[in-house]
Protein backbone atom coordinates (compact mmCIF):
# COMPACT_ATOMS: atom_id res chain seq x y z
CA UNK A 1 44.25 -14.52 1.34
CA UNK A 2 46.41 -13.88 4.41
CA UNK A 3 48.09 -16.50 6.58
CA UNK A 4 50.41 -15.43 9.39
CA UNK A 5 50.00 -11.98 7.78
CA UNK A 6 51.74 -13.22 4.59
CA UNK A 7 49.76 -12.75 1.38
CA UNK A 8 48.92 -16.25 0.19
CA UNK A 9 48.08 -16.85 -3.45
CA UNK A 10 45.72 -19.63 -4.46
CA UNK A 11 47.37 -22.86 -5.56
CA UNK A 12 48.79 -22.18 -9.02
CA UNK A 13 50.03 -24.42 -11.78
CA UNK A 14 53.57 -23.75 -12.98
CA UNK A 15 52.36 -21.95 -16.09
CA UNK A 16 50.00 -19.80 -14.01
CA UNK A 17 52.86 -18.99 -11.65
CA UNK A 18 55.10 -17.91 -14.52
CA UNK A 19 52.37 -15.61 -15.83
CA UNK A 20 51.70 -14.16 -12.38
CA UNK A 21 55.38 -13.44 -11.69
CA UNK A 22 55.95 -11.97 -15.14
CA UNK A 23 53.14 -9.49 -14.52
CA UNK A 24 54.46 -8.77 -11.02
CA UNK A 25 57.87 -7.88 -12.44
CA UNK A 26 56.40 -5.77 -15.26
CA UNK A 27 54.31 -3.82 -12.75
CA UNK A 28 57.35 -3.36 -10.55
CA UNK A 29 59.44 -2.00 -13.42
CA UNK A 30 56.71 0.56 -14.13
CA UNK A 31 56.57 1.52 -10.45
CA UNK A 32 60.35 2.00 -10.37
CA UNK A 33 60.18 4.28 -13.42
CA UNK A 34 57.43 6.46 -11.94
CA UNK A 35 58.46 6.57 -8.29
CA UNK A 36 60.52 9.26 -6.56
CA UNK A 37 61.25 6.88 -3.68
CA UNK A 38 62.94 3.50 -3.47
CA UNK A 39 61.17 0.57 -5.13
CA UNK A 40 63.16 -2.61 -4.57
CA UNK A 41 63.47 -5.61 -6.84
CA UNK A 42 61.47 -8.67 -5.84
CA UNK A 43 63.52 -11.56 -4.50
CA UNK A 44 62.45 -15.22 -4.33
CA UNK A 45 62.88 -18.24 -2.08
CA UNK A 46 61.84 -21.82 -2.88
CA UNK A 47 60.92 -24.42 -0.28
CA UNK A 48 60.17 -28.07 -1.03
CA UNK A 49 57.25 -28.31 1.41
CA UNK A 50 54.56 -25.64 1.40
CA UNK A 51 53.86 -26.23 5.08
CA UNK A 52 57.31 -25.22 6.31
CA UNK A 53 57.87 -21.85 7.92
CA UNK A 54 60.69 -19.45 7.15
CA UNK A 55 63.62 -20.64 9.24
CA UNK A 56 67.30 -19.79 8.95
CA UNK A 57 69.94 -22.51 9.20
CA UNK A 58 70.80 -21.14 12.66
CA UNK A 59 67.21 -21.60 13.85
CA UNK A 60 67.01 -25.12 12.41
CA UNK A 61 70.35 -26.10 13.95
CA UNK A 62 69.40 -24.84 17.40
CA UNK A 63 65.96 -26.44 17.27
CA UNK A 64 67.12 -29.81 15.94
CA UNK A 65 69.81 -30.02 18.62
CA UNK A 66 67.47 -28.87 21.39
CA UNK A 67 69.60 -25.79 22.11
CA UNK A 68 68.45 -22.48 23.55
CA UNK A 69 68.14 -19.42 21.34
CA UNK A 70 65.93 -20.54 18.48
CA UNK A 71 63.33 -17.89 19.42
CA UNK A 72 65.85 -15.05 19.78
CA UNK A 73 69.62 -15.53 19.54
CA UNK A 74 72.00 -12.87 20.82
CA UNK A 75 73.93 -11.27 17.95
CA UNK A 76 76.97 -10.66 20.16
CA UNK A 77 77.00 -14.33 21.22
CA UNK A 78 76.77 -15.38 17.59
CA UNK A 79 79.71 -13.21 16.54
CA UNK A 80 81.82 -14.65 19.35
CA UNK A 81 81.16 -18.12 17.96
CA UNK A 82 81.85 -16.94 14.40
CA UNK A 83 85.17 -15.39 15.44
CA UNK A 84 86.26 -18.64 17.09
CA UNK A 85 86.15 -20.58 13.80
CA UNK A 86 88.33 -18.10 11.86
CA UNK A 87 91.66 -19.89 12.61
CA UNK A 88 90.28 -23.19 11.29
CA UNK A 89 88.85 -21.53 8.17
CA UNK A 90 92.13 -19.72 7.45
CA UNK A 91 94.12 -22.92 7.97
CA UNK A 92 91.97 -25.39 6.09
CA UNK A 93 90.27 -23.43 3.28
CA UNK A 94 91.20 -20.89 0.62
CA UNK A 95 89.12 -18.21 2.37
CA UNK A 96 90.98 -15.61 4.42
CA UNK A 97 89.63 -13.48 7.24
CA UNK A 98 91.43 -11.33 9.78
CA UNK A 99 91.07 -12.31 13.41
CA UNK A 100 88.39 -10.20 15.10
CA UNK A 101 88.05 -12.07 18.39
CA UNK A 102 89.15 -9.00 20.35
CA UNK A 103 87.34 -6.42 18.21
CA UNK A 104 84.08 -4.88 19.44
CA UNK A 105 81.11 -5.74 17.22
CA UNK A 106 78.93 -2.66 16.87
CA UNK A 107 75.78 -4.02 15.30
CA UNK A 108 73.07 -1.51 14.36
CA UNK A 109 69.49 -2.32 13.43
CA UNK A 110 69.57 -0.37 10.17
CA UNK A 111 73.15 -1.08 9.08
CA UNK A 112 74.72 -3.99 7.23
CA UNK A 113 75.97 -6.95 9.22
CA UNK A 114 79.68 -6.98 10.17
CA UNK A 115 81.88 -9.71 8.68
CA UNK A 116 79.24 -10.42 6.06
CA UNK A 117 81.66 -12.06 3.61
CA UNK A 118 82.75 -14.55 6.27
CA UNK A 119 79.15 -15.25 7.24
CA UNK A 120 78.14 -15.91 3.63
CA UNK A 121 81.13 -18.20 3.08
CA UNK A 122 80.25 -20.13 6.22
CA UNK A 123 76.60 -20.31 5.16
CA UNK A 124 77.40 -21.75 1.74
CA UNK A 125 79.47 -24.48 3.36
CA UNK A 126 77.03 -25.54 6.05
CA UNK A 127 77.82 -23.46 9.13
CA UNK A 128 74.58 -22.20 10.73
CA UNK A 129 73.91 -18.50 10.20
CA UNK A 130 71.02 -16.05 10.76
CA UNK A 131 70.83 -15.46 7.00
CA UNK A 132 67.83 -16.62 4.99
CA UNK A 133 68.73 -17.49 1.38
CA UNK A 134 66.90 -15.84 -1.53
CA UNK A 135 67.55 -15.36 -5.23
CA UNK A 136 66.94 -12.55 -7.67
CA UNK A 137 65.60 -15.24 -10.02
CA UNK A 138 62.23 -16.90 -9.57
CA UNK A 139 63.59 -19.78 -11.65
CA UNK A 140 66.50 -20.47 -9.30
CA UNK A 141 64.04 -20.38 -6.41
CA UNK A 142 61.83 -22.85 -8.27
CA UNK A 143 64.76 -25.21 -8.74
CA UNK A 144 65.42 -25.34 -5.01
CA UNK A 145 61.73 -25.82 -4.33
CA UNK A 146 61.34 -28.76 -6.71
CA UNK A 147 64.79 -30.40 -6.69
CA UNK A 148 64.44 -31.49 -3.06
CA UNK A 149 60.70 -32.20 -3.16
CA UNK A 150 59.16 -35.67 -2.93
CA UNK A 151 57.08 -35.14 -6.07
CA UNK A 152 53.80 -35.32 -4.16
CA UNK A 153 53.77 -32.62 -1.49
CA UNK A 154 53.06 -29.12 -2.80
CA UNK A 155 56.01 -26.71 -2.81
CA UNK A 156 56.15 -23.01 -1.99
CA UNK A 157 57.89 -20.03 -3.53
CA UNK A 158 58.06 -16.87 -1.45
CA UNK A 159 58.50 -13.39 -2.94
CA UNK A 160 59.72 -10.41 -0.90
CA UNK A 161 60.10 -6.73 -1.71
CA UNK A 162 61.98 -4.67 0.88
CA UNK A 163 60.85 -1.23 -0.28
CA UNK A 164 57.65 -0.68 -2.26
CA UNK A 165 57.85 3.08 -2.73
CA UNK A 166 57.15 4.03 0.86
CA UNK A 167 59.05 4.12 4.13
CA UNK A 168 59.13 1.10 6.41
CA UNK A 169 58.13 1.97 9.95
CA UNK A 170 57.91 0.19 13.26
CA UNK A 171 58.90 0.30 16.90
CA UNK A 172 62.63 -0.09 17.57
CA UNK A 173 62.03 -3.28 19.55
CA UNK A 174 59.95 -4.87 16.79
CA UNK A 175 61.65 -7.46 14.55
CA UNK A 176 62.28 -6.31 10.99
CA UNK A 177 63.57 -7.99 7.84
CA UNK A 178 66.62 -6.48 6.14
CA UNK A 179 67.80 -7.45 2.66
CA UNK A 180 71.51 -8.10 2.08
CA UNK A 181 73.28 -8.36 -1.26
CA UNK A 182 73.54 -9.27 -4.01
CA UNK A 183 77.08 -7.86 -4.37
CA UNK A 184 79.18 -9.55 -1.71
CA UNK A 185 82.78 -10.78 -1.96
CA UNK A 186 82.26 -14.43 -1.14
CA UNK A 187 81.93 -17.92 -2.66
CA UNK A 188 81.37 -18.02 -6.47
CA UNK A 189 78.24 -20.09 -5.83
CA UNK A 190 76.65 -16.91 -4.49
CA UNK A 191 76.74 -15.39 -7.98
CA UNK A 192 75.75 -18.55 -9.86
CA UNK A 193 72.59 -18.70 -7.78
CA UNK A 194 71.99 -14.91 -7.99
CA UNK A 195 71.91 -15.02 -4.22
CA UNK A 196 70.80 -12.42 -1.76
CA UNK A 197 69.79 -12.79 1.85
CA UNK A 198 67.53 -11.45 4.54
CA UNK A 199 68.20 -11.19 8.25
CA UNK A 200 65.61 -10.49 10.93
CA UNK A 201 66.81 -8.18 13.70
CA UNK A 202 65.22 -6.81 16.86
CA UNK A 203 66.16 -5.33 20.22
CA UNK A 204 65.43 -7.24 23.41
CA UNK A 205 64.48 -5.71 26.76
CA UNK A 206 68.16 -5.20 27.59
CA UNK A 207 68.58 -3.20 24.34
CA UNK A 208 70.79 -5.93 22.87
CA UNK A 209 70.44 -6.87 19.21
CA UNK A 210 69.01 -10.35 18.64
CA UNK A 211 68.25 -12.49 15.59
CA UNK A 212 64.54 -13.30 15.40
CA UNK A 213 62.29 -15.53 13.32
CA UNK A 214 61.13 -13.98 10.05
CA UNK A 215 57.46 -14.87 10.54
CA UNK A 216 57.50 -13.15 13.95
CA UNK A 217 58.41 -9.91 12.16
CA UNK A 218 55.56 -10.21 9.66
CA UNK A 219 53.07 -10.90 12.44
CA UNK A 220 54.34 -7.94 14.50
CA UNK A 221 54.52 -5.48 11.61
CA UNK A 222 52.74 -6.73 8.46
CA UNK A 223 52.59 -3.34 6.73
CA UNK A 224 56.40 -3.15 6.59
CA UNK A 225 56.88 -6.62 5.10
CA UNK A 226 55.69 -7.04 1.52
CA UNK A 227 55.74 -10.84 1.31
CA UNK A 228 53.82 -13.22 -0.96
CA UNK A 229 53.61 -17.01 -0.80
CA UNK A 230 52.86 -19.02 -3.93
CA UNK A 231 51.88 -22.69 -3.60
CA UNK A 232 52.64 -24.93 -6.59
CA UNK A 233 51.72 -28.58 -7.28
CA UNK A 234 54.31 -31.09 -6.12
CA UNK A 235 53.32 -33.49 -8.90
CA UNK A 236 54.68 -31.04 -11.50
CA UNK A 237 58.26 -31.72 -10.36
CA UNK A 238 59.35 -33.46 -13.57
CA UNK A 239 57.68 -30.87 -15.79
CA UNK A 240 59.24 -27.91 -13.97
CA UNK A 241 62.75 -29.33 -13.56
CA UNK A 242 62.85 -30.29 -17.24
CA UNK A 243 61.87 -26.73 -18.23
CA UNK A 244 64.50 -25.30 -15.87
CA UNK A 245 67.14 -27.66 -17.26
CA UNK A 246 66.44 -26.31 -20.75
CA UNK A 247 67.16 -22.85 -19.31
CA UNK A 248 70.48 -24.27 -18.04
CA UNK A 249 69.28 -24.05 -14.44
CA UNK A 250 70.29 -27.30 -12.78
CA UNK A 251 72.45 -28.65 -9.95
CA UNK A 252 75.59 -28.59 -12.09
CA UNK A 253 75.33 -24.94 -13.12
CA UNK A 254 74.18 -23.75 -9.68
CA UNK A 255 76.77 -25.62 -7.61
CA UNK A 256 79.59 -26.23 -10.13
CA UNK A 257 80.96 -29.28 -8.35
CA UNK A 258 81.09 -33.02 -8.99
CA UNK A 259 78.11 -33.68 -6.74
CA UNK A 260 76.00 -31.19 -8.69
CA UNK A 261 77.11 -32.74 -11.98
CA UNK A 262 76.15 -36.24 -10.80
CA UNK A 263 72.77 -35.00 -9.56
CA UNK A 264 72.13 -33.34 -12.91
CA UNK A 265 73.09 -36.48 -14.81
CA UNK A 266 70.91 -38.62 -12.56
CA UNK A 267 67.91 -36.38 -13.25
CA UNK A 268 68.47 -36.62 -17.00
CA UNK A 269 68.83 -40.41 -16.94
CA UNK A 270 66.14 -41.35 -14.44
CA UNK A 271 63.62 -38.50 -14.25
CA UNK A 272 63.64 -36.75 -17.61
CA UNK A 273 64.09 -39.83 -19.80
CA UNK A 274 61.09 -41.95 -20.76
CA UNK A 275 62.05 -45.47 -19.78
């Protein structure tokens, strides 16, 4: 089934989802062995409400504050804002970044983003970015889907494969997803969560690079975006989180801070225990 040009699986139980993903990964390994072109790994993103779209933190921030740019935000404008926070980051955190406020930012549609390490650091600490978070692990994605769910509303796990053994094509002006990572020099949390990212880029009428919504890209060019959406029952929250905890996937291991530890302990005392 297709919705917004994304392949939508029927509602699956957790056990059915595990079986489906296991087969997907086995088939992908076989394709990688037999292909003479690039076959990418699948990456996964969990969302605690199946009805939500795919929005970056930058899009959510602009929309929630009624600011312009949520439909298409100028990349050059974004980098000017990013450069302006470097002095504060260098002064108040352990992260270090050279000043680039006077450097030209030459952003290309098919090249990696400049200052990616800074952007990832900012993203992990709450600064809005055009990056959409994913994980190489379907289990990490499932944790983020269920940990923040209300236990009633169905959750969603998205799967994306950048290259499926064939070239990705489209008009230059069309928005396109690009995968970033996983090897980036940034916050340790990035590696605990097996993080990678996507960014959606396009050219506007003035030939400037802009950040666009991910769904817009799938609608404009579905054949170049291999995306699946799995819907899982919200009421299986306790069952899934308990299984993930036995795999050592929990807030403590993924965040490695006191808040994550307390969340993990709260789950074990109030959700997992039978009282």
